[in-house]
Amino acid sequence: MNYKIVSTNKKLLNKIIPILNSLDMKESIHIQEVDLWIVDVSTIDENALISYKNRINFSNILFIVNNTEQIIICLDNSFLHYITSSFINDELVYWCKYFMKNKKEKILKLDDTTTINLDTAIIIQDNIITELTLQEKALLKELSSFKFISTTLLANSLKVSSTTTIRTIINRIRKKLKYDIFVQKKTFGYKLKSTDSLQNNNTQISIITELEEQNKLMQNVIDSSPIFIVTFIHKQLYCINKSFRDYLGVDIVKELWDEEKGDFFQLIVHDNKQHHSFQELLFTKGTHSINLYEINKNNTSFEIETFYFENLDKHLFIFKPL
C-alpha cells in the first residue's frame, strides 16, 4: 500500500512515517499511485478542499485535525475519516489496517460499451483494451466523481505546469478511443460521460430548452441596459453586458476572457496585499464602493451591489456610477 503525507509539520511527519514503515507501507513516488493520503487539515486551501472532495471517490484519505475548527471543516465536507494530531500510535495503525481491508472501488462503468479500470490503468471499449499512461490514469481518477472540474483545478491536482497540458492529456485519450468519454463545458471544465447523465439529459431536455429561452430573454435585457453588469458562476467570469464591454474596449475584454491570463479584478483599484480578501469582500452580498483603472478617461468611481443565487452558485454584480 502506497501513501502520501501532505503536511509541513516536521514533528507530525516524524511521528507518522515510522508507524507506516512498520506496516511495510511505502511512500508513493508518483501522485498517480497513492493508495492512502494522510492530510494535515492545516494545509488545506479552497482548491485543495475541492480536490479532496473529488478524490474521496477513489482514494482513502485520513485527515489530521488540530482543533475544533478543523473537525468542523471535515464534517462540513463529509470527510468522516480523521484523527487528532495527538493520536497514539495504535490509533493510526488501526486506521491503516482498516483502509487495507476496505479498498476503494477502482472500476468505472461509463456505459454498456466503456469501462475504466484504474487499478490496471486500462480502458475497455467495445472489448478493445487501451492502456493508459500514469498521467492519463491520474486525470481519469480526478474525473471519477462524474462532476465538472475546471482545467485549472485539474492542473493543480496533477501538478502540471498549465491548463494546456490538461487539454493535451484529454486529447491524447480521445485519440486512443473509438468513442469520446468526456463532456466539456466552457467555464465549467470537463467531466466523464455516463449512462446516468445521458438519461438525465433526456428527461430534462424540455426544462433545459425552457431555461435557454429564458436566458436569451434575460441576456437581451442585460445587453440593452445602460448599467454595467457582470455575472460569475462558481466564481468564474461568465458574462459582461454590452454596455460594460463597450466601456472596457475589445482588447481588454478579450484578455478578461482568456483562460490563462484573464482576471476581472485586475481592473479594480485596490491594495495588492489585500487582493484575496478584496475579492471575497466583493463576493459578499451587499453594496461596496470601488474605483476602476482609468479607461477611456471616464469616471472611475462606482458603487457595486452584489447579489447571490445559492442554487446556481451565481453572483451578479451591478455597477452604478457615483
C-alpha atoms as a PDB file:
ATOM      1  CA  MET A   1       0.000   0.000   0.000  1.00  0.00           C
ATOM      2  CA  ASN A   2       1.473   3.337  -1.073  1.00  0.00           C
ATOM      3  CA  TYR A   3       0.967   6.502   0.947  1.00  0.00           C
ATOM      4  CA  LYS A   4       1.417  10.240   0.581  1.00  0.00           C
ATOM      5  CA  ILE A   5       1.601  12.635   3.537  1.00  0.00           C
ATOM      6  CA  VAL A   6       0.552  16.241   2.981  1.00  0.00           C
ATOM      7  CA  SER A   7       1.951  18.312   5.840  1.00  0.00           C
ATOM      8  CA  THR A   8       4.666  20.864   6.570  1.00  0.00           C
ATOM      9  CA  ASN A   9       4.755  19.895  10.257  1.00  0.00           C
ATOM     10  CA  LYS A  10       8.090  18.062  10.754  1.00  0.00           C
ATOM     11  CA  LYS A  11       7.106  16.837  14.205  1.00  0.00           C
ATOM     12  CA  LEU A  12       3.965  15.268  12.758  1.00  0.00           C
ATOM     13  CA  LEU A  13       5.899  13.709   9.851  1.00  0.00           C
ATOM     14  CA  ASN A  14       8.471  12.210  12.229  1.00  0.00           C
ATOM     15  CA  LYS A  15       5.620  10.666  14.205  1.00  0.00           C
ATOM     16  CA  ILE A  16       3.727   9.198  11.225  1.00  0.00           C
ATOM     17  CA  ILE A  17       6.471   7.834   8.953  1.00  0.00           C
ATOM     18  CA  PRO A  18       7.948   5.214  11.373  1.00  0.00           C
ATOM     19  CA  ILE A  19       4.439   3.830  12.002  1.00  0.00           C
ATOM     20  CA  LEU A  20       3.763   3.446   8.267  1.00  0.00           C
ATOM     21  CA  ASN A  21       7.179   1.866   7.730  1.00  0.00           C
ATOM     22  CA  SER A  22       6.409  -0.694  10.453  1.00  0.00           C
ATOM     23  CA  LEU A  23       3.343  -1.724   8.390  1.00  0.00           C
ATOM     24  CA  ASP A  24       5.517  -2.205   5.304  1.00  0.00           C
ATOM     25  CA  MET A  25       3.854   0.734   3.577  1.00  0.00           C
ATOM     26  CA  LYS A  26       5.847   2.739   1.056  1.00  0.00           C
ATOM     27  CA  GLU A  27       5.823   6.427   0.230  1.00  0.00           C
ATOM     28  CA  SER A  28       4.438   6.933  -3.263  1.00  0.00           C
ATOM     29  CA  ILE A  29       6.841   8.474  -5.756  1.00  0.00           C
ATOM     30  CA  HIS A  30       4.053   9.384  -8.199  1.00  0.00           C
ATOM     31  CA  ILE A  31       0.803  11.027  -7.059  1.00  0.00           C
ATOM     32  CA  GLN A  32      -0.915   8.797  -9.616  1.00  0.00           C
ATOM     33  CA  GLU A  33      -0.228   5.709  -7.465  1.00  0.00           C
ATOM     34  CA  VAL A  34      -1.280   6.839  -3.987  1.00  0.00           C
ATOM     35  CA  ASP A  35      -3.461   4.341  -2.075  1.00  0.00           C
ATOM     36  CA  LEU A  36      -3.686   6.341   1.148  1.00  0.00           C
ATOM     37  CA  TRP A  37      -3.493  10.105   1.584  1.00  0.00           C
ATOM     38  CA  ILE A  38      -2.723  11.407   5.064  1.00  0.00           C
ATOM     39  CA  VAL A  39      -3.617  15.093   5.033  1.00  0.00           C
ATOM     40  CA  ASP A  40      -2.881  17.723   7.655  1.00  0.00           C
ATOM     41  CA  VAL A  41      -6.016  19.906   7.542  1.00  0.00           C
ATOM     42  CA  SER A  42      -3.775  22.941   8.219  1.00  0.00           C
ATOM     43  CA  THR A  43      -2.538  22.637   4.606  1.00  0.00           C
ATOM     44  CA  ILE A  44      -5.992  22.795   3.004  1.00  0.00           C
ATOM     45  CA  ASP A  45      -6.992  25.842   0.966  1.00  0.00           C
ATOM     46  CA  GLU A  46     -10.093  26.258  -1.216  1.00  0.00           C
ATOM     47  CA  ASN A  47      -8.590  24.483  -4.253  1.00  0.00           C
ATOM     48  CA  ALA A  48      -7.261  21.602  -2.153  1.00  0.00           C
ATOM     49  CA  LEU A  49     -10.644  21.212  -0.476  1.00  0.00           C
ATOM     50  CA  ILE A  50     -12.388  20.733  -3.840  1.00  0.00           C
ATOM     51  CA  SER A  51      -9.662  18.346  -4.975  1.00  0.00           C
ATOM     52  CA  TYR A  52     -10.006  16.109  -1.899  1.00  0.00           C
ATOM     53  CA  LYS A  53     -13.787  16.072  -2.303  1.00  0.00           C
ATOM     54  CA  ASN A  54     -13.267  14.717  -5.828  1.00  0.00           C
ATOM     55  CA  ARG A  55     -10.608  12.220  -4.739  1.00  0.00           C
ATOM     56  CA  ILE A  56     -12.696  10.750  -1.930  1.00  0.00           C
ATOM     57  CA  ASN A  57     -14.482   8.572  -4.519  1.00  0.00           C
ATOM     58  CA  PHE A  58     -11.377   6.592  -5.439  1.00  0.00           C
ATOM     59  CA  SER A  59      -8.794   7.249  -2.706  1.00  0.00           C
ATOM     60  CA  ASN A  60      -8.643   6.560   1.008  1.00  0.00           C
ATOM     61  CA  ILE A  61      -7.946   9.844   2.795  1.00  0.00           C
ATOM     62  CA  LEU A  62      -7.207  10.223   6.508  1.00  0.00           C
ATOM     63  CA  PHE A  63      -7.293  13.811   7.760  1.00  0.00           C
ATOM     64  CA  ILE A  64      -5.223  15.048  10.709  1.00  0.00           C
ATOM     65  CA  VAL A  65      -7.089  17.691  12.711  1.00  0.00           C
ATOM     66  CA  ASN A  66      -5.521  20.111  15.177  1.00  0.00           C
ATOM     67  CA  ASN A  67      -8.543  21.861  16.684  1.00  0.00           C
ATOM     68  CA  THR A  68     -12.344  22.028  16.741  1.00  0.00           C
ATOM     69  CA  GLU A  69     -12.497  24.343  13.706  1.00  0.00           C
ATOM     70  CA  GLN A  70     -10.683  21.746  11.595  1.00  0.00           C
ATOM     71  CA  ILE A  71     -13.045  18.997  12.779  1.00  0.00           C
ATOM     72  CA  ILE A  72     -15.921  21.198  11.570  1.00  0.00           C
ATOM     73  CA  ILE A  73     -14.204  21.571   8.163  1.00  0.00           C
ATOM     74  CA  CYS A  74     -14.032  17.768   7.872  1.00  0.00           C
ATOM     75  CA  LEU A  75     -17.634  17.190   8.897  1.00  0.00           C
ATOM     76  CA  ASP A  76     -18.995  20.020   6.730  1.00  0.00           C
ATOM     77  CA  ASN A  77     -17.342  18.396   3.704  1.00  0.00           C
ATOM     78  CA  SER A  78     -18.289  14.777   4.558  1.00  0.00           C
ATOM     79  CA  PHE A  79     -14.701  13.838   5.451  1.00  0.00           C
ATOM     80  CA  LEU A  80     -15.523  11.260   8.109  1.00  0.00           C
ATOM     81  CA  HIS A  81     -12.091   9.678   8.424  1.00  0.00           C
ATOM     82  CA  TYR A  82      -9.975  11.854  10.707  1.00  0.00           C
ATOM     83  CA  ILE A  83      -7.832  11.695  13.844  1.00  0.00           C
ATOM     84  CA  THR A  84      -6.385  14.381  16.094  1.00  0.00           C
ATOM     85  CA  SER A  85      -2.715  15.340  15.827  1.00  0.00           C
ATOM     86  CA  SER A  86      -2.226  13.961  19.358  1.00  0.00           C
ATOM     87  CA  PHE A  87      -3.148  10.423  18.235  1.00  0.00           C
ATOM     88  CA  ILE A  88      -1.482   7.405  19.829  1.00  0.00           C
ATOM     89  CA  ASN A  89       0.463   5.027  17.566  1.00  0.00           C
ATOM     90  CA  ASP A  90      -2.103   2.224  17.724  1.00  0.00           C
ATOM     91  CA  GLU A  91      -4.830   4.576  16.522  1.00  0.00           C
ATOM     92  CA  LEU A  92      -3.011   5.238  13.244  1.00  0.00           C
ATOM     93  CA  VAL A  93      -2.182   1.533  12.896  1.00  0.00           C
ATOM     94  CA  TYR A  94      -5.870   0.608  13.191  1.00  0.00           C
ATOM     95  CA  TRP A  95      -6.842   3.201  10.572  1.00  0.00           C
ATOM     96  CA  CYS A  96      -4.226   1.892   8.122  1.00  0.00           C
ATOM     97  CA  LYS A  97      -5.378  -1.708   8.608  1.00  0.00           C
ATOM     98  CA  TYR A  98      -8.968  -0.565   8.060  1.00  0.00           C
ATOM     99  CA  PHE A  99      -8.024   1.076   4.743  1.00  0.00           C
ATOM    100  CA  MET A 100      -6.082  -2.024   3.668  1.00  0.00           C
ATOM    101  CA  LYS A 101      -9.204  -4.163   4.148  1.00  0.00           C
ATOM    102  CA  ASN A 102     -11.570  -1.660   2.572  1.00  0.00           C
ATOM    103  CA  LYS A 103     -10.023  -0.752  -0.743  1.00  0.00           C
ATOM    104  CA  LYS A 104     -11.852   1.797  -2.864  1.00  0.00           C
ATOM    105  CA  GLU A 105     -13.645   0.624  -5.991  1.00  0.00           C
ATOM    106  CA  LYS A 106     -11.443   1.499  -8.936  1.00  0.00           C
ATOM    107  CA  ILE A 107     -13.613   0.286 -11.818  1.00  0.00           C
ATOM    108  CA  LEU A 108     -15.752   2.936 -13.515  1.00  0.00           C
ATOM    109  CA  LYS A 109     -18.534   1.733 -15.813  1.00  0.00           C
ATOM    110  CA  LEU A 110     -19.434   4.634 -18.093  1.00  0.00           C
ATOM    111  CA  ASP A 111     -21.994   2.790 -20.262  1.00  0.00           C
ATOM    112  CA  ASP A 112     -22.603  -0.586 -21.923  1.00  0.00           C
ATOM    113  CA  THR A 113     -19.509  -0.225 -24.129  1.00  0.00           C
ATOM    114  CA  THR A 114     -16.948   1.513 -21.908  1.00  0.00           C
ATOM    115  CA  THR A 115     -15.286   0.551 -18.612  1.00  0.00           C
ATOM    116  CA  ILE A 116     -12.269   2.169 -16.960  1.00  0.00           C
ATOM    117  CA  ASN A 117     -10.093   0.085 -14.626  1.00  0.00           C
ATOM    118  CA  LEU A 118      -7.965   2.474 -12.557  1.00  0.00           C
ATOM    119  CA  ASP A 119      -6.143  -0.401 -10.836  1.00  0.00           C
ATOM    120  CA  THR A 120      -4.739  -1.847 -14.055  1.00  0.00           C
ATOM    121  CA  ALA A 121      -4.726   1.525 -15.898  1.00  0.00           C
ATOM    122  CA  ILE A 122      -6.779   0.389 -18.887  1.00  0.00           C
ATOM    123  CA  ILE A 123      -9.958   1.390 -20.710  1.00  0.00           C
ATOM    124  CA  ILE A 124     -12.093  -1.354 -22.242  1.00  0.00           C
ATOM    125  CA  GLN A 125     -14.303  -0.058 -25.047  1.00  0.00           C
ATOM    126  CA  ASP A 126     -16.167  -2.420 -27.400  1.00  0.00           C
ATOM    127  CA  ASN A 127     -13.960  -5.207 -25.965  1.00  0.00           C
ATOM    128  CA  ILE A 128     -10.825  -3.379 -27.105  1.00  0.00           C
ATOM    129  CA  ILE A 129      -8.258  -2.790 -24.353  1.00  0.00           C
ATOM    130  CA  THR A 130      -6.456   0.567 -24.316  1.00  0.00           C
ATOM    131  CA  GLU A 131      -3.558   1.126 -21.933  1.00  0.00           C
ATOM    132  CA  LEU A 132      -3.199   4.409 -20.033  1.00  0.00           C
ATOM    133  CA  THR A 133      -0.092   6.338 -19.072  1.00  0.00           C
ATOM    134  CA  LEU A 134       0.368   7.449 -15.447  1.00  0.00           C
ATOM    135  CA  GLN A 135      -0.753  10.977 -16.329  1.00  0.00           C
ATOM    136  CA  GLU A 136      -3.854   9.709 -18.161  1.00  0.00           C
ATOM    137  CA  LYS A 137      -4.721   7.451 -15.237  1.00  0.00           C
ATOM    138  CA  ALA A 138      -4.309  10.335 -12.779  1.00  0.00           C
ATOM    139  CA  LEU A 139      -6.580  12.564 -14.865  1.00  0.00           C
ATOM    140  CA  LEU A 140      -9.344   9.940 -15.011  1.00  0.00           C
ATOM    141  CA  LYS A 141      -9.072   9.489 -11.241  1.00  0.00           C
ATOM    142  CA  GLU A 142      -9.684  13.193 -10.746  1.00  0.00           C
ATOM    143  CA  LEU A 143     -12.746  12.990 -13.018  1.00  0.00           C
ATOM    144  CA  SER A 144     -14.156   9.833 -11.391  1.00  0.00           C
ATOM    145  CA  SER A 145     -16.668  11.919  -9.408  1.00  0.00           C
ATOM    146  CA  PHE A 146     -18.589  12.398 -12.714  1.00  0.00           C
ATOM    147  CA  LYS A 147     -18.806  16.128 -11.930  1.00  0.00           C
ATOM    148  CA  PHE A 148     -17.422  19.042 -13.928  1.00  0.00           C
ATOM    149  CA  ILE A 149     -13.909  20.010 -12.815  1.00  0.00           C
ATOM    150  CA  SER A 150     -12.151  23.105 -14.136  1.00  0.00           C
ATOM    151  CA  THR A 151      -8.912  22.750 -16.102  1.00  0.00           C
ATOM    152  CA  THR A 152      -7.188  24.957 -13.514  1.00  0.00           C
ATOM    153  CA  LEU A 153      -8.131  22.629 -10.672  1.00  0.00           C
ATOM    154  CA  LEU A 154      -7.110  19.575 -12.729  1.00  0.00           C
ATOM    155  CA  ALA A 155      -3.733  21.182 -13.419  1.00  0.00           C
ATOM    156  CA  ASN A 156      -3.230  21.852  -9.696  1.00  0.00           C
ATOM    157  CA  SER A 157      -4.246  18.310  -8.738  1.00  0.00           C
ATOM    158  CA  LEU A 158      -1.957  16.672 -11.318  1.00  0.00           C
ATOM    159  CA  LYS A 159       0.815  19.175 -10.549  1.00  0.00           C
ATOM    160  CA  VAL A 160       1.363  20.092 -14.199  1.00  0.00           C
ATOM    161  CA  SER A 161       2.553  23.478 -15.409  1.00  0.00           C
ATOM    162  CA  SER A 162      -0.551  24.718 -17.246  1.00  0.00           C
ATOM    163  CA  THR A 163      -4.133  24.017 -18.281  1.00  0.00           C
ATOM    164  CA  THR A 164      -2.846  23.411 -21.814  1.00  0.00           C
ATOM    165  CA  THR A 165      -1.214  20.211 -20.533  1.00  0.00           C
ATOM    166  CA  ILE A 166      -4.604  19.021 -19.259  1.00  0.00           C
ATOM    167  CA  ARG A 167      -6.182  19.550 -22.681  1.00  0.00           C
ATOM    168  CA  THR A 168      -3.246  17.703 -24.282  1.00  0.00           C
ATOM    169  CA  ILE A 169      -3.772  14.684 -21.987  1.00  0.00           C
ATOM    170  CA  ILE A 170      -7.507  14.633 -22.708  1.00  0.00           C
ATOM    171  CA  ASN A 171      -6.954  14.858 -26.484  1.00  0.00           C
ATOM    172  CA  ARG A 172      -4.411  12.036 -26.222  1.00  0.00           C
ATOM    173  CA  ILE A 173      -7.006   9.796 -24.561  1.00  0.00           C
ATOM    174  CA  ARG A 174      -9.628  10.784 -27.134  1.00  0.00           C
ATOM    175  CA  LYS A 175      -7.348   9.744 -29.999  1.00  0.00           C
ATOM    176  CA  LYS A 176      -6.886   6.301 -28.440  1.00  0.00           C
ATOM    177  CA  LEU A 177     -10.621   5.577 -28.226  1.00  0.00           C
ATOM    178  CA  LYS A 178     -13.414   4.880 -30.681  1.00  0.00           C
ATOM    179  CA  TYR A 179     -15.987   6.913 -28.682  1.00  0.00           C
ATOM    180  CA  ASP A 180     -15.397  10.113 -26.750  1.00  0.00           C
ATOM    181  CA  ILE A 181     -15.726   9.673 -22.964  1.00  0.00           C
ATOM    182  CA  PHE A 182     -15.500  13.362 -21.995  1.00  0.00           C
ATOM    183  CA  VAL A 183     -18.058  16.142 -21.692  1.00  0.00           C
ATOM    184  CA  GLN A 184     -16.656  19.674 -21.953  1.00  0.00           C
ATOM    185  CA  LYS A 185     -18.349  22.903 -20.937  1.00  0.00           C
ATOM    186  CA  LYS A 186     -16.791  26.341 -21.120  1.00  0.00           C
ATOM    187  CA  THR A 187     -16.273  27.883 -17.657  1.00  0.00           C
ATOM    188  CA  PHE A 188     -17.102  24.519 -16.003  1.00  0.00           C
ATOM    189  CA  GLY A 189     -14.317  22.300 -17.378  1.00  0.00           C
ATOM    190  CA  TYR A 190     -14.551  18.555 -18.061  1.00  0.00           C
ATOM    191  CA  LYS A 191     -16.366  15.520 -16.708  1.00  0.00           C
ATOM    192  CA  LEU A 192     -16.751  11.861 -17.694  1.00  0.00           C
ATOM    193  CA  LYS A 193     -19.785  10.770 -19.699  1.00  0.00           C
ATOM    194  CA  SER A 194     -22.067   8.207 -18.089  1.00  0.00           C
ATOM    195  CA  THR A 195     -25.321   6.402 -18.814  1.00  0.00           C
ATOM    196  CA  ASP A 196     -26.946   8.176 -15.863  1.00  0.00           C
ATOM    197  CA  SER A 197     -26.000  11.599 -17.154  1.00  0.00           C
ATOM    198  CA  LEU A 198     -27.353  10.745 -20.617  1.00  0.00           C
ATOM    199  CA  GLN A 199     -30.659   9.594 -19.136  1.00  0.00           C
ATOM    200  CA  ASN A 200     -30.880  12.714 -17.013  1.00  0.00           C
ATOM    201  CA  ASN A 201     -30.194  14.838 -20.087  1.00  0.00           C
ATOM    202  CA  ASN A 202     -33.053  13.177 -21.958  1.00  0.00           C
ATOM    203  CA  THR A 203     -35.550  13.600 -19.125  1.00  0.00           C
ATOM    204  CA  GLN A 204     -34.606  17.232 -18.596  1.00  0.00           C
ATOM    205  CA  ILE A 205     -34.342  18.349 -22.211  1.00  0.00           C
ATOM    206  CA  SER A 206     -37.608  20.317 -22.135  1.00  0.00           C
ATOM    207  CA  ILE A 207     -36.567  22.064 -18.918  1.00  0.00           C
ATOM    208  CA  ILE A 208     -33.187  22.966 -20.407  1.00  0.00           C
ATOM    209  CA  THR A 209     -34.826  24.324 -23.569  1.00  0.00           C
ATOM    210  CA  GLU A 210     -37.121  26.498 -21.485  1.00  0.00           C
ATOM    211  CA  LEU A 211     -34.200  27.765 -19.390  1.00  0.00           C
ATOM    212  CA  GLU A 212     -32.230  28.584 -22.538  1.00  0.00           C
ATOM    213  CA  GLU A 213     -35.161  30.646 -23.822  1.00  0.00           C
ATOM    214  CA  GLN A 214     -35.342  32.486 -20.503  1.00  0.00           C
ATOM    215  CA  ASN A 215     -31.584  33.093 -20.566  1.00  0.00           C
ATOM    216  CA  LYS A 216     -31.788  34.576 -24.070  1.00  0.00           C
ATOM    217  CA  LEU A 217     -34.515  36.961 -22.981  1.00  0.00           C
ATOM    218  CA  MET A 218     -32.579  37.941 -19.862  1.00  0.00           C
ATOM    219  CA  GLN A 219     -29.398  38.387 -21.886  1.00  0.00           C
ATOM    220  CA  ASN A 220     -31.199  40.826 -24.215  1.00  0.00           C
ATOM    221  CA  VAL A 221     -32.285  42.839 -21.188  1.00  0.00           C
ATOM    222  CA  ILE A 222     -28.774  42.764 -19.721  1.00  0.00           C
ATOM    223  CA  ASP A 223     -27.119  43.766 -23.018  1.00  0.00           C
ATOM    224  CA  SER A 224     -29.510  46.651 -23.607  1.00  0.00           C
ATOM    225  CA  SER A 225     -29.081  48.011 -20.079  1.00  0.00           C
ATOM    226  CA  PRO A 226     -27.018  51.217 -19.675  1.00  0.00           C
ATOM    227  CA  ILE A 227     -25.902  49.906 -16.266  1.00  0.00           C
ATOM    228  CA  PHE A 228     -22.669  47.890 -16.092  1.00  0.00           C
ATOM    229  CA  ILE A 229     -23.435  44.256 -15.193  1.00  0.00           C
ATOM    230  CA  VAL A 230     -21.127  41.259 -14.572  1.00  0.00           C
ATOM    231  CA  THR A 231     -22.067  37.678 -13.643  1.00  0.00           C
ATOM    232  CA  PHE A 232     -19.908  34.969 -12.076  1.00  0.00           C
ATOM    233  CA  ILE A 233     -20.937  31.304 -11.955  1.00  0.00           C
ATOM    234  CA  HIS A 234     -18.924  29.198  -9.492  1.00  0.00           C
ATOM    235  CA  LYS A 235     -16.812  32.362  -9.136  1.00  0.00           C
ATOM    236  CA  GLN A 236     -15.731  32.123 -12.784  1.00  0.00           C
ATOM    237  CA  LEU A 237     -16.356  35.075 -15.088  1.00  0.00           C
ATOM    238  CA  TYR A 238     -19.366  34.274 -17.262  1.00  0.00           C
ATOM    239  CA  CYS A 239     -20.910  37.463 -18.675  1.00  0.00           C
ATOM    240  CA  ILE A 240     -20.180  41.175 -19.096  1.00  0.00           C
ATOM    241  CA  ASN A 241     -23.106  43.092 -20.604  1.00  0.00           C
ATOM    242  CA  LYS A 242     -22.719  45.104 -23.815  1.00  0.00           C
ATOM    243  CA  SER A 243     -22.542  48.480 -22.070  1.00  0.00           C
ATOM    244  CA  PHE A 244     -19.618  47.287 -19.993  1.00  0.00           C
ATOM    245  CA  ARG A 245     -17.929  45.633 -22.990  1.00  0.00           C
ATOM    246  CA  ASP A 246     -18.153  48.888 -24.964  1.00  0.00           C
ATOM    247  CA  TYR A 247     -16.772  50.801 -21.972  1.00  0.00           C
ATOM    248  CA  LEU A 248     -13.826  48.460 -21.464  1.00  0.00           C
ATOM    249  CA  GLY A 249     -12.916  48.046 -25.129  1.00  0.00           C
ATOM    250  CA  VAL A 250     -12.342  44.930 -27.252  1.00  0.00           C
ATOM    251  CA  ASP A 251      -8.707  44.300 -26.260  1.00  0.00           C
ATOM    252  CA  ILE A 252      -9.378  44.362 -22.530  1.00  0.00           C
ATOM    253  CA  VAL A 253     -12.463  42.153 -22.836  1.00  0.00           C
ATOM    254  CA  LYS A 254     -10.507  39.581 -24.891  1.00  0.00           C
ATOM    255  CA  GLU A 255      -7.883  39.416 -22.155  1.00  0.00           C
ATOM    256  CA  LEU A 256     -10.536  39.005 -19.453  1.00  0.00           C
ATOM    257  CA  TRP A 257     -11.995  36.009 -21.306  1.00  0.00           C
ATOM    258  CA  ASP A 258      -8.551  34.402 -21.767  1.00  0.00           C
ATOM    259  CA  GLU A 259      -8.459  31.325 -19.543  1.00  0.00           C
ATOM    260  CA  GLU A 260      -4.737  31.691 -18.812  1.00  0.00           C
ATOM    261  CA  LYS A 261      -4.426  35.469 -18.255  1.00  0.00           C
ATOM    262  CA  GLY A 262      -7.946  36.670 -17.558  1.00  0.00           C
ATOM    263  CA  ASP A 263      -8.608  38.336 -14.232  1.00  0.00           C
ATOM    264  CA  PHE A 264     -11.580  40.679 -13.962  1.00  0.00           C
ATOM    265  CA  PHE A 265     -10.331  42.009 -10.633  1.00  0.00           C
ATOM    266  CA  GLN A 266      -7.163  43.441 -12.214  1.00  0.00           C
ATOM    267  CA  LEU A 267      -9.384  46.312 -13.389  1.00  0.00           C
ATOM    268  CA  ILE A 268     -10.222  47.364  -9.854  1.00  0.00           C
ATOM    269  CA  VAL A 269      -8.030  49.786  -7.891  1.00  0.00           C
ATOM    270  CA  HIS A 270      -7.133  48.295  -4.525  1.00  0.00           C
ATOM    271  CA  ASP A 271      -4.221  47.398  -2.255  1.00  0.00           C
ATOM    272  CA  ASN A 272      -2.459  44.408  -3.876  1.00  0.00           C
ATOM    273  CA  LYS A 273      -1.620  42.982  -0.457  1.00  0.00           C
ATOM    274  CA  GLN A 274      -5.345  42.653   0.208  1.00  0.00           C
ATOM    275  CA  HIS A 275      -6.138  41.114  -3.214  1.00  0.00           C
ATOM    276  CA  HIS A 276      -7.653  37.832  -1.985  1.00  0.00           C
ATOM    277  CA  SER A 277      -9.695  39.330   0.847  1.00  0.00           C
ATOM    278  CA  PHE A 278     -10.809  42.115  -1.510  1.00  0.00           C
ATOM    279  CA  GLN A 279     -12.274  39.589  -3.960  1.00  0.00           C
ATOM    280  CA  GLU A 280     -14.026  37.810  -1.106  1.00  0.00           C
ATOM    281  CA  LEU A 281     -15.443  41.155   0.007  1.00  0.00           C
ATOM    282  CA  LEU A 282     -16.988  41.763  -3.425  1.00  0.00           C
ATOM    283  CA  PHE A 283     -18.403  38.227  -3.480  1.00  0.00           C
ATOM    284  CA  THR A 284     -20.209  39.075  -0.234  1.00  0.00           C
ATOM    285  CA  LYS A 285     -23.812  40.211  -0.665  1.00  0.00           C
ATOM    286  CA  GLY A 286     -24.312  43.921  -0.198  1.00  0.00           C
ATOM    287  CA  THR A 287     -23.076  47.267  -1.517  1.00  0.00           C
ATOM    288  CA  HIS A 288     -19.403  48.171  -1.953  1.00  0.00           C
ATOM    289  CA  SER A 289     -17.582  51.258  -3.275  1.00  0.00           C
ATOM    290  CA  ILE A 290     -14.691  50.760  -5.719  1.00  0.00           C
ATOM    291  CA  ASN A 291     -12.640  52.509  -8.417  1.00  0.00           C
ATOM    292  CA  LEU A 292     -11.724  51.149 -11.837  1.00  0.00           C
ATOM    293  CA  TYR A 293      -8.422  51.818 -13.538  1.00  0.00           C
ATOM    294  CA  GLU A 294      -8.662  54.784 -15.937  1.00  0.00           C
ATOM    295  CA  ILE A 295     -10.267  53.550 -19.168  1.00  0.00           C
ATOM    296  CA  ASN A 296     -11.254  55.931 -21.988  1.00  0.00           C
ATOM    297  CA  LYS A 297     -10.880  58.792 -19.450  1.00  0.00           C
ATOM    298  CA  ASN A 298     -14.292  58.014 -17.987  1.00  0.00           C
ATOM    299  CA  ASN A 299     -15.455  58.441 -14.403  1.00  0.00           C
ATOM    300  CA  THR A 300     -13.858  55.566 -12.467  1.00  0.00           C
ATOM    301  CA  SER A 301     -15.792  55.669  -9.176  1.00  0.00           C
ATOM    302  CA  PHE A 302     -18.517  53.060  -8.820  1.00  0.00           C
ATOM    303  CA  GLU A 303     -20.800  51.515  -6.282  1.00  0.00           C
ATOM    304  CA  ILE A 304     -21.135  47.748  -6.711  1.00  0.00           C
ATOM    305  CA  GLU A 305     -24.208  45.906  -5.499  1.00  0.00           C
ATOM    306  CA  THR A 306     -23.657  42.160  -5.163  1.00  0.00           C
ATOM    307  CA  PHE A 307     -26.446  39.583  -5.417  1.00  0.00           C
ATOM    308  CA  TYR A 308     -26.032  35.829  -4.822  1.00  0.00           C
ATOM    309  CA  PHE A 309     -28.211  32.974  -6.120  1.00  0.00           C
ATOM    310  CA  GLU A 310     -27.407  29.953  -3.989  1.00  0.00           C
ATOM    311  CA  ASN A 311     -28.920  27.173  -6.122  1.00  0.00           C
ATOM    312  CA  LEU A 312     -26.908  28.302  -9.152  1.00  0.00           C
ATOM    313  CA  ASP A 313     -23.851  29.361  -7.122  1.00  0.00           C
ATOM    314  CA  LYS A 314     -24.093  32.547  -9.195  1.00  0.00           C
ATOM    315  CA  HIS A 315     -23.018  36.085  -8.278  1.00  0.00           C
ATOM    316  CA  LEU A 316     -24.418  39.155 -10.017  1.00  0.00           C
ATOM    317  CA  PHE A 317     -22.511  42.469  -9.807  1.00  0.00           C
ATOM    318  CA  ILE A 318     -24.303  45.700 -10.734  1.00  0.00           C
ATOM    319  CA  PHE A 319     -22.010  48.757 -11.159  1.00  0.00           C
ATOM    320  CA  LYS A 320     -23.559  52.181 -10.596  1.00  0.00           C
ATOM    321  CA  PRO A 321     -21.504  55.344 -11.232  1.00  0.00           C
ATOM    322  CA  LEU A 322     -21.080  57.613  -8.206  1.00  0.00           C
END
